[in-house]
N, C-alpha and C. Protein backbone atom coordinates (compact mmCIF):
# COMPACT_ATOMS: atom_id res chain seq x y z
N MET A 1 0.77 -1.23 -0.04
CA MET A 1 -0.03 0.03 -0.02
C MET A 1 0.83 1.21 -0.02
N ASN A 2 0.56 2.23 -0.84
CA ASN A 2 1.24 3.50 -0.96
C ASN A 2 0.66 4.42 0.09
N VAL A 3 1.49 5.44 0.46
CA VAL A 3 1.16 6.41 1.54
C VAL A 3 1.70 7.71 1.02
N ILE A 4 0.96 8.77 1.32
CA ILE A 4 1.48 10.15 1.22
C ILE A 4 1.53 10.74 2.62
N ILE A 5 2.59 11.20 3.09
CA ILE A 5 2.72 11.70 4.54
C ILE A 5 3.22 13.16 4.48
N ASP A 6 2.91 13.85 5.54
CA ASP A 6 3.48 15.20 5.78
C ASP A 6 4.25 15.12 7.09
N LEU A 7 5.55 15.15 7.03
CA LEU A 7 6.33 14.92 8.19
C LEU A 7 6.98 16.25 8.69
N CYS A 8 6.88 16.49 9.97
CA CYS A 8 7.48 17.67 10.62
C CYS A 8 8.25 17.13 11.79
N VAL A 9 9.63 17.04 11.74
CA VAL A 9 10.47 16.56 12.89
C VAL A 9 10.99 17.82 13.53
N VAL A 10 10.87 17.84 14.97
CA VAL A 10 11.36 19.11 15.56
C VAL A 10 12.20 18.51 16.78
N PRO A 11 13.61 18.63 16.63
CA PRO A 11 14.44 18.31 17.75
C PRO A 11 14.28 19.31 18.95
N LEU A 12 14.32 18.76 20.07
CA LEU A 12 14.25 19.61 21.37
C LEU A 12 15.53 19.39 22.15
N GLY A 13 15.96 20.55 22.77
CA GLY A 13 17.11 20.58 23.61
C GLY A 13 18.41 20.78 22.81
N VAL A 14 18.28 21.27 21.65
CA VAL A 14 19.45 21.52 20.82
C VAL A 14 19.79 22.99 20.53
N GLY A 15 18.98 23.87 21.04
CA GLY A 15 19.11 25.29 20.80
C GLY A 15 18.08 25.86 19.90
N VAL A 16 18.27 27.09 19.50
CA VAL A 16 17.26 27.71 18.81
C VAL A 16 17.21 27.25 17.31
N SER A 17 18.42 27.12 16.62
CA SER A 17 18.46 26.67 15.27
C SER A 17 18.54 25.18 15.18
N VAL A 18 17.60 24.71 14.28
CA VAL A 18 17.47 23.15 14.13
C VAL A 18 17.82 22.69 12.70
N SER A 19 18.28 23.88 11.91
CA SER A 19 18.53 23.58 10.45
C SER A 19 19.47 22.42 10.26
N PRO A 20 20.58 22.26 11.03
CA PRO A 20 21.49 21.05 10.77
C PRO A 20 20.72 19.73 10.93
N HIS A 21 19.90 19.62 11.88
CA HIS A 21 19.15 18.47 12.20
C HIS A 21 18.17 18.18 10.96
N ILE A 22 17.48 19.15 10.52
CA ILE A 22 16.57 19.01 9.40
C ILE A 22 17.30 18.72 8.16
N ALA A 23 18.43 19.29 7.92
CA ALA A 23 19.22 18.90 6.75
C ALA A 23 19.56 17.42 6.87
N ALA A 24 19.96 16.90 7.98
CA ALA A 24 20.46 15.52 8.17
C ALA A 24 19.10 14.65 7.83
N CYS A 25 17.94 15.03 8.29
CA CYS A 25 16.77 14.30 8.04
C CYS A 25 16.44 14.27 6.53
N GLN A 26 16.57 15.35 5.93
CA GLN A 26 16.45 15.44 4.39
C GLN A 26 17.36 14.62 3.69
N ARG A 27 18.65 14.45 4.14
CA ARG A 27 19.56 13.47 3.51
C ARG A 27 19.02 12.08 3.58
N VAL A 28 18.41 11.75 4.71
CA VAL A 28 17.90 10.42 4.91
C VAL A 28 16.71 10.17 3.86
N ILE A 29 15.99 11.10 3.73
CA ILE A 29 14.83 11.05 2.74
C ILE A 29 15.37 10.84 1.31
N GLN A 30 16.38 11.69 0.96
CA GLN A 30 16.88 11.61 -0.34
C GLN A 30 17.59 10.30 -0.63
N GLU A 31 18.32 9.83 0.39
CA GLU A 31 19.02 8.56 0.18
C GLU A 31 18.01 7.41 0.06
N ALA A 32 16.79 7.48 0.63
CA ALA A 32 15.84 6.38 0.48
C ALA A 32 15.25 6.41 -0.99
N GLY A 33 15.45 7.46 -1.78
CA GLY A 33 14.90 7.52 -3.14
C GLY A 33 13.48 7.66 -3.25
N LEU A 34 12.87 8.15 -2.16
CA LEU A 34 11.33 8.30 -2.21
C LEU A 34 11.07 9.77 -2.76
N GLU A 35 9.86 9.88 -3.48
CA GLU A 35 9.42 11.05 -3.96
C GLU A 35 9.19 11.97 -2.78
N HIS A 36 9.59 13.19 -2.77
CA HIS A 36 9.48 14.07 -1.67
C HIS A 36 9.48 15.52 -2.00
N ARG A 37 8.85 16.34 -1.15
CA ARG A 37 8.90 17.90 -1.36
C ARG A 37 9.03 18.49 0.00
N MET A 38 10.09 19.11 0.22
CA MET A 38 10.38 19.98 1.37
C MET A 38 9.48 21.17 1.33
N HIS A 39 8.90 21.72 2.41
CA HIS A 39 8.22 22.96 2.48
C HIS A 39 8.71 23.60 3.69
N ALA A 40 8.13 24.82 4.12
CA ALA A 40 8.63 25.68 5.13
C ALA A 40 8.47 24.98 6.51
N TYR A 41 7.48 24.01 6.75
CA TYR A 41 7.19 23.45 7.92
C TYR A 41 7.23 21.97 7.89
N GLY A 42 8.06 21.34 6.97
CA GLY A 42 7.99 19.90 7.01
C GLY A 42 8.23 19.45 5.54
N THR A 43 8.10 18.21 5.31
CA THR A 43 8.28 17.53 4.05
C THR A 43 7.16 16.53 3.73
N ASN A 44 6.69 16.72 2.50
CA ASN A 44 5.76 15.57 2.01
C ASN A 44 6.57 14.45 1.42
N ILE A 45 6.19 13.20 1.77
CA ILE A 45 6.93 12.03 1.17
C ILE A 45 5.80 11.04 0.69
N GLU A 46 6.08 10.31 -0.31
CA GLU A 46 5.14 9.32 -0.80
C GLU A 46 6.04 8.08 -1.20
N GLY A 47 5.21 7.02 -1.10
CA GLY A 47 5.81 5.70 -1.49
C GLY A 47 5.17 4.56 -0.72
N PRO A 48 5.78 3.34 -0.84
CA PRO A 48 5.30 2.25 -0.16
C PRO A 48 5.21 2.39 1.39
N TRP A 49 4.32 1.97 2.00
CA TRP A 49 4.05 2.27 3.54
C TRP A 49 5.37 1.91 4.26
N ASP A 50 5.84 0.72 4.16
CA ASP A 50 6.97 0.34 4.94
C ASP A 50 8.31 1.06 4.70
N GLU A 51 8.48 1.62 3.45
CA GLU A 51 9.63 2.26 3.13
C GLU A 51 9.60 3.81 3.68
N VAL A 52 8.46 4.32 3.67
CA VAL A 52 8.06 5.56 4.13
C VAL A 52 8.26 5.63 5.71
N MET A 53 7.65 4.63 6.34
CA MET A 53 7.81 4.62 7.73
C MET A 53 9.26 4.42 8.23
N ALA A 54 10.05 3.54 7.44
CA ALA A 54 11.34 3.39 7.74
C ALA A 54 12.12 4.67 7.65
N VAL A 55 11.79 5.57 6.77
CA VAL A 55 12.51 6.79 6.61
C VAL A 55 12.10 7.70 7.93
N VAL A 56 10.90 7.67 8.35
CA VAL A 56 10.51 8.36 9.60
C VAL A 56 11.36 7.83 10.77
N LYS A 57 11.41 6.63 10.77
CA LYS A 57 12.29 5.95 12.02
C LYS A 57 13.64 6.47 11.79
N ARG A 58 14.30 6.31 10.61
CA ARG A 58 15.66 6.69 10.45
C ARG A 58 15.93 8.08 10.75
N CYS A 59 15.06 8.94 10.31
CA CYS A 59 15.17 10.40 10.74
C CYS A 59 15.30 10.62 12.24
N HIS A 60 14.57 9.88 12.98
CA HIS A 60 14.56 10.08 14.43
C HIS A 60 15.85 9.42 14.95
N GLU A 61 16.40 8.42 14.28
CA GLU A 61 17.65 7.83 14.86
C GLU A 61 18.71 8.80 14.50
N VAL A 62 18.80 9.33 13.34
CA VAL A 62 19.89 10.28 12.95
C VAL A 62 19.89 11.53 13.81
N VAL A 63 18.72 12.09 14.08
CA VAL A 63 18.70 13.34 14.90
C VAL A 63 19.03 13.03 16.34
N HIS A 64 18.71 11.97 16.85
CA HIS A 64 19.04 11.58 18.21
C HIS A 64 20.71 11.38 18.06
N GLU A 65 21.16 10.69 17.11
CA GLU A 65 22.64 10.52 16.99
C GLU A 65 23.31 11.80 17.13
N MET A 66 22.74 12.93 16.48
CA MET A 66 23.39 14.30 16.57
C MET A 66 23.30 14.99 17.92
N GLY A 67 22.65 14.26 18.91
CA GLY A 67 22.63 14.83 20.24
C GLY A 67 21.33 15.36 20.60
N ALA A 68 20.25 15.23 19.86
CA ALA A 68 18.95 15.81 20.32
C ALA A 68 18.47 14.80 21.43
N PRO A 69 18.27 15.22 22.61
CA PRO A 69 17.69 14.31 23.68
C PRO A 69 16.20 14.06 23.42
N ARG A 70 15.50 14.86 22.77
CA ARG A 70 14.06 14.73 22.61
C ARG A 70 13.68 15.08 21.18
N ILE A 71 12.63 14.50 20.60
CA ILE A 71 12.15 14.87 19.27
C ILE A 71 10.55 14.84 19.34
N THR A 72 10.09 15.93 18.89
CA THR A 72 8.56 15.80 18.72
C THR A 72 8.34 15.81 17.17
N THR A 73 7.38 15.00 16.78
CA THR A 73 7.15 14.87 15.31
C THR A 73 5.61 14.93 15.11
N THR A 74 5.26 15.73 14.09
CA THR A 74 3.91 15.70 13.61
C THR A 74 3.83 14.96 12.32
N LEU A 75 2.93 14.06 12.25
CA LEU A 75 2.77 13.26 11.03
C LEU A 75 1.29 13.06 10.62
N LYS A 76 1.12 13.63 9.39
CA LYS A 76 -0.23 13.49 8.77
C LYS A 76 0.02 12.48 7.63
N LEU A 77 -0.89 11.54 7.45
CA LEU A 77 -0.81 10.53 6.37
C LEU A 77 -2.12 10.21 5.82
N GLY A 78 -2.05 9.86 4.47
CA GLY A 78 -3.16 9.43 3.77
C GLY A 78 -2.92 8.23 2.89
N THR A 79 -3.84 7.36 2.75
CA THR A 79 -3.82 6.23 1.84
C THR A 79 -4.99 6.23 1.03
N ARG A 80 -4.90 5.58 -0.24
CA ARG A 80 -6.06 5.48 -1.04
C ARG A 80 -5.95 4.24 -1.84
N ILE A 81 -7.03 3.48 -1.90
CA ILE A 81 -7.03 2.15 -2.63
C ILE A 81 -7.84 2.07 -3.86
N ASP A 82 -8.72 3.17 -4.15
CA ASP A 82 -9.48 3.11 -5.22
C ASP A 82 -8.97 3.56 -6.48
N ARG A 83 -7.75 4.13 -6.37
CA ARG A 83 -7.04 4.54 -7.67
C ARG A 83 -5.58 4.99 -7.14
N ASP A 84 -4.61 5.06 -8.11
CA ASP A 84 -3.37 5.59 -7.84
C ASP A 84 -3.49 7.15 -7.85
N GLN A 85 -2.78 7.68 -6.81
CA GLN A 85 -2.71 9.14 -6.72
C GLN A 85 -1.43 9.56 -6.16
N HIS A 86 -0.74 10.58 -6.71
CA HIS A 86 0.53 11.05 -6.16
C HIS A 86 0.33 12.48 -5.80
N MET A 87 1.44 12.99 -5.05
CA MET A 87 1.30 14.31 -4.51
C MET A 87 1.01 15.35 -5.59
N ASP A 88 1.63 15.24 -6.76
CA ASP A 88 1.48 16.21 -7.81
C ASP A 88 0.05 16.18 -8.30
N ASP A 89 -0.66 14.92 -8.28
CA ASP A 89 -2.00 14.95 -8.78
C ASP A 89 -2.92 15.76 -7.88
N LYS A 90 -2.70 15.64 -6.54
CA LYS A 90 -3.56 16.35 -5.54
C LYS A 90 -3.40 17.85 -5.82
N VAL A 91 -2.27 18.39 -5.96
CA VAL A 91 -2.05 19.81 -6.25
C VAL A 91 -2.58 20.16 -7.49
N ALA A 92 -2.37 19.44 -8.58
CA ALA A 92 -2.98 19.81 -9.90
C ALA A 92 -4.37 19.79 -9.87
N SER A 93 -5.10 18.98 -9.15
CA SER A 93 -6.62 18.92 -9.03
C SER A 93 -7.01 20.28 -8.52
N VAL A 94 -6.42 20.80 -7.58
CA VAL A 94 -6.81 22.04 -6.93
C VAL A 94 -6.56 23.27 -7.81
N GLU A 95 -5.33 23.16 -8.42
CA GLU A 95 -4.94 24.36 -9.28
C GLU A 95 -5.85 24.32 -10.58
N THR A 96 -6.23 23.19 -11.07
CA THR A 96 -7.30 23.24 -12.17
C THR A 96 -8.45 23.82 -11.78
N LEU A 97 -9.00 23.57 -10.63
CA LEU A 97 -10.29 24.22 -10.13
C LEU A 97 -10.11 25.72 -9.90
N MET A 98 -8.96 26.20 -9.48
CA MET A 98 -8.67 27.63 -9.28
C MET A 98 -8.71 28.41 -10.61
N GLU A 99 -8.35 27.66 -11.74
CA GLU A 99 -8.36 28.41 -13.00
C GLU A 99 -9.66 28.71 -13.55
N ARG A 100 -10.58 27.93 -13.03
CA ARG A 100 -12.01 28.17 -13.47
C ARG A 100 -12.73 29.34 -12.91
N PRO A 101 -13.50 30.00 -13.65
CA PRO A 101 -14.22 31.30 -13.09
C PRO A 101 -15.30 30.82 -12.03
């Protein structure tokens, strides 16, 4: 089963700037080879359920390895079995509607 998630990983106890930790998590996502789109407050990731969830787990492992004693993560996810749908399809659907008067 494929899943599309919105992942927001927030390391705690590492100071004000968390950019290095987020960059490390982004590397994990890239190395996994999954379709993804980073945005200002997280990353959308899509792919097979087990692969996507393994990336979430690995992000936590890497950020802890960097010294973060705590991590809080917000995860939204959606699955669909009636047809194939990708992140770009969802966005395109809304953009098409916005073009209509």
